[in-house]
Protein backbone atom coordinates (compact mmCIF):
# COMPACT_ATOMS: atom_id res chain seq x y z
CA MET A 1 0.00 0.00 0.00
CA THR A 2 1.67 3.20 -1.20
CA ALA A 3 1.14 6.73 0.11
CA ASN A 4 -0.67 7.64 -3.13
CA GLU A 5 -3.01 4.67 -2.73
CA ILE A 6 -3.84 5.72 0.82
CA ILE A 7 -4.45 9.32 -0.26
CA GLU A 8 -6.80 8.13 -3.00
CA HIS A 9 -8.60 5.93 -0.49
CA CYS A 10 -9.03 8.94 1.81
CA ARG A 11 -10.40 11.11 -1.01
CA LYS A 12 -12.91 8.44 -1.94
CA SER A 13 -13.90 7.99 1.70
CA ILE A 14 -14.43 11.75 2.05
CA ASP A 15 -16.51 11.85 -1.16
CA ASP A 16 -18.64 8.92 0.05
CA THR A 17 -19.07 9.77 3.75
CA GLY A 18 -17.57 13.17 4.50
CA PHE A 19 -15.03 11.45 6.78
CA ILE A 20 -11.84 9.41 6.50
CA ILE A 21 -12.46 5.75 7.33
CA PHE A 22 -9.62 3.23 7.48
CA SER A 23 -9.82 -0.54 7.83
CA GLU A 24 -7.99 -2.28 10.68
CA GLU A 25 -5.50 -3.59 8.11
CA GLN A 26 -4.81 -0.08 6.79
CA PHE A 27 -4.12 1.17 10.31
CA ARG A 28 -1.72 -1.73 10.84
CA LEU A 29 0.18 -1.32 7.55
CA MET A 30 0.71 2.45 7.59
CA ASP A 31 4.23 3.65 8.34
CA PRO A 32 5.28 7.02 9.85
CA GLU A 33 6.17 8.51 6.45
CA GLN A 34 2.72 7.67 5.07
CA VAL A 35 1.06 9.13 8.16
CA ALA A 36 3.04 12.35 7.71
CA GLU A 37 2.04 12.50 4.03
CA LEU A 38 -1.63 12.07 4.91
CA GLN A 39 -1.50 14.74 7.58
CA HIS A 40 0.29 17.10 5.20
CA THR A 41 -2.28 16.45 2.46
CA PHE A 42 -5.45 16.67 4.54
CA GLY A 43 -4.35 18.72 7.55
CA GLU A 44 -6.95 18.91 10.31
CA HIS A 45 -9.84 19.73 7.98
CA TYR A 46 -11.21 16.18 8.02
CA LEU A 47 -12.03 13.76 10.78
CA MET A 48 -11.14 10.08 10.83
CA ARG A 49 -13.14 7.28 12.41
CA LEU A 50 -11.51 5.55 15.37
CA PRO A 51 -10.37 1.95 14.85
CA GLU A 52 -12.94 -0.77 15.53
CA HIS A 53 -11.26 -1.86 18.77
CA GLU A 54 -11.63 1.66 20.16
CA ILE A 55 -15.25 1.91 19.03
CA LYS A 56 -15.93 -1.32 20.96
CA PHE A 57 -14.25 0.22 24.00
CA PHE A 58 -16.38 3.36 23.83
CA GLU A 59 -19.55 1.31 23.41
CA TRP A 60 -18.53 -0.50 26.61
CA LEU A 61 -17.84 2.88 28.27
CA LYS A 62 -21.34 4.09 27.43
CA ILE A 63 -22.65 1.36 29.74
CA ALA A 64 -19.80 1.24 32.28
CA ASP A 65 -19.60 5.01 32.94
CA GLU A 66 -22.23 6.92 30.99
CA ASN A 67 -21.28 10.35 32.34
CA VAL A 68 -17.75 9.98 30.96
CA TRP A 69 -19.11 8.85 27.59
CA LYS A 70 -21.43 11.87 27.50
CA ASP A 71 -18.58 14.25 28.36
CA LEU A 72 -16.65 12.92 25.37
CA TRP A 73 -19.31 12.25 22.75
CA ALA A 74 -22.68 13.86 23.63
CA GLU A 75 -21.94 16.88 21.44
CA ALA A 76 -19.99 14.99 18.78
CA ASN A 77 -21.05 14.03 15.30
CA ASP A 78 -23.79 11.47 14.83
CA PRO A 79 -22.50 8.79 14.65
CA PRO A 80 -19.72 9.60 17.15
CA TYR A 81 -16.16 8.26 17.30
CA PHE A 82 -14.59 10.59 14.76
CA VAL A 83 -11.41 12.44 15.79
CA SER A 84 -8.79 14.66 14.21
CA LEU A 85 -6.34 13.11 11.77
CA ALA A 86 -3.69 14.49 14.15
CA PHE A 87 -4.25 11.35 16.28
CA LEU A 88 -3.44 8.94 13.43
CA ASN A 89 0.09 8.12 14.69
CA GLY A 90 -1.39 6.55 17.81
CA PHE A 91 -3.19 3.87 15.80
CA THR A 92 -0.77 2.86 13.04
CA GLY A 93 2.04 0.33 12.67
CA PRO A 94 3.21 -1.04 16.04
CA ASN A 95 0.58 1.23 17.69
CA SER A 96 -2.31 -0.24 15.70
CA GLY A 97 -3.83 -1.47 18.96
CA GLY A 98 -3.43 1.99 20.49
CA ALA A 99 -6.01 3.84 22.54
CA PHE A 100 -7.67 7.25 22.29
CA THR A 101 -6.62 8.04 25.84
CA ILE A 102 -9.16 9.94 27.95
CA CYS A 103 -7.51 13.00 29.48
CA GLU A 104 -9.62 16.11 28.85
CA LEU A 105 -12.91 15.53 30.63
CA ARG A 106 -14.74 18.71 31.62
CA SER A 107 -17.85 17.66 33.54
CA VAL A 108 -16.33 14.76 35.52
CA ASP A 109 -12.93 14.04 37.07
CA ASN A 110 -10.08 12.89 34.88
CA TYR A 111 -8.29 9.67 35.79
CA TYR A 112 -5.30 9.92 33.47
CA PHE A 113 -1.90 8.63 34.59
CA ALA A 114 1.56 8.64 33.06
CA PRO A 115 5.16 7.99 34.15
CA SER A 116 5.63 11.67 35.03
CA LEU A 117 2.83 11.52 37.62
CA PHE A 118 4.65 9.17 39.99
CA PHE A 119 6.23 10.58 43.13
CA GLU A 120 9.81 9.80 42.18
CA LYS A 121 11.35 8.88 45.55
CA GLU A 122 8.28 7.27 47.12
CA SER A 123 7.41 5.13 44.08
CA ALA A 124 10.87 3.75 43.24
CA ASP A 125 10.84 0.76 45.62
CA TYR A 126 7.15 0.08 44.99
CA LEU A 127 7.55 0.00 41.20
CA SER A 128 10.69 -2.11 41.47
CA ALA A 129 8.81 -4.70 43.53
CA VAL A 130 5.82 -4.66 41.14
CA LYS A 131 8.04 -5.15 38.09
CA GLU A 132 9.81 -8.03 39.80
CA ARG A 133 6.46 -9.68 40.56
CA PHE A 134 5.44 -9.22 36.93
CA ILE A 135 8.70 -10.70 35.61
CA ASN A 136 8.26 -13.67 37.96
CA ARG A 137 4.67 -14.10 36.73
CA GLN A 138 3.22 -13.53 40.17
CA SER A 139 -0.28 -12.13 40.57
CA LEU A 140 -0.73 -8.36 40.83
CA SER A 141 -3.37 -6.47 42.77
CA PRO A 142 -5.42 -3.92 40.77
CA ALA A 143 -3.29 -1.11 42.27
CA GLN A 144 -0.07 -2.89 41.33
CA ALA A 145 -1.33 -3.56 37.80
CA LEU A 146 -2.32 0.10 37.37
CA ALA A 147 1.06 1.28 38.66
CA LEU A 148 2.83 -1.03 36.22
CA GLU A 149 0.74 0.17 33.26
CA ALA A 150 1.11 3.87 34.12
CA SER A 151 4.87 3.52 34.64
CA ILE A 152 5.24 2.26 31.06
CA ALA A 153 2.92 4.59 29.11
CA PRO A 154 -0.01 6.98 29.64
CA ILE A 155 -3.30 5.29 30.49
CA ASP A 156 -6.72 6.25 31.82
CA ILE A 157 -8.60 4.08 34.29
CA TRP A 158 -11.40 3.30 31.84
CA HIS A 159 -9.04 1.72 29.30
CA PHE A 160 -7.30 0.05 32.26
CA ALA A 161 -10.57 -1.38 33.59
CA TYR A 162 -11.61 -2.53 30.10
CA LYS A 163 -8.26 -4.23 29.45
CA TYR A 164 -8.28 -6.12 32.75
CA GLY A 165 -12.00 -6.80 32.96
CA PHE A 166 -12.34 -4.73 36.13
CA ASP A 167 -15.35 -2.79 37.32
CA VAL A 168 -14.68 0.97 37.06
CA ARG A 169 -15.21 1.30 40.83
CA LEU A 170 -12.45 -1.24 41.44
CA ALA A 171 -10.12 0.76 39.20
CA LYS A 172 -10.95 3.96 41.11
CA ASN A 173 -10.22 2.17 44.38
CA ALA A 174 -6.82 1.20 42.96
CA VAL A 175 -6.15 4.87 42.24
CA ARG A 176 -7.18 5.82 45.78
CA GLU A 177 -4.77 3.23 47.20
CA LEU A 178 -1.84 4.53 45.14
CA VAL A 179 -2.65 8.15 45.98
CA ASP A 180 -3.03 7.43 49.71
CA ASP A 181 0.36 5.66 49.68
CA ARG A 182 1.92 8.67 47.87
CA ILE A 183 2.93 6.51 44.92
CA LEU A 184 0.93 8.34 42.27
CA LEU A 185 -0.37 11.89 41.78
CA HIS A 186 -4.00 12.21 40.71
CA VAL A 187 -4.73 15.39 38.74
CA THR A 188 -8.47 15.53 38.15
CA ASN A 189 -8.73 18.77 36.18
CA ALA A 190 -7.87 18.78 32.46
CA ASP A 191 -6.44 22.31 32.64
CA HIS A 192 -4.17 21.31 35.51
CA LEU A 193 -2.97 18.25 33.58
CA THR A 194 -1.58 20.52 30.88
CA GLN A 195 0.72 22.08 33.50
CA TYR A 196 2.50 18.73 33.80
CA PHE A 197 2.74 17.78 30.14
CA ASP A 198 0.98 18.05 26.80
CA VAL A 199 -1.98 15.68 27.08
CA HIS A 200 -3.12 16.18 23.47
């Protein structure tokens, strides 16, 4: 699949639907150069549909935590699940299973965590012990699993709960445990999150 073929696919998709719609295979096969070419060609004027695995997640979220779903999608296009082409890198190549991480909620608290939100001194021994348990294939508590995930890459608790099959309340309890033990910082406000790093 060449860059020109992808561009032609996008133009046809826009003509047919008004949006850019990729198949799961197209997400998987695109390389960084092709992504850059698409973004240069189409800019941010057109929206792309999220990959199917993320649509399934958001359909789960609608039931698991409706207020969060409404914050994200209540005022979106009908049907929802279309985002800026600027997010394409997060879903292509090795990232084809990537997530549209939830980090800019306005009407409810954010539960977004990343490596930079750990208390450096307090978390070092804890994370070391968790990683050792993981390497030795020992069971992890929900709090330990969340700490491990957030120490590797940004994650929100809804994607975390979905991945592990946890109830959202259990995931929030895991956050409370890590916060109470001064392992992890919980920044609930989207505007405050931007003071720590670019969450876009």
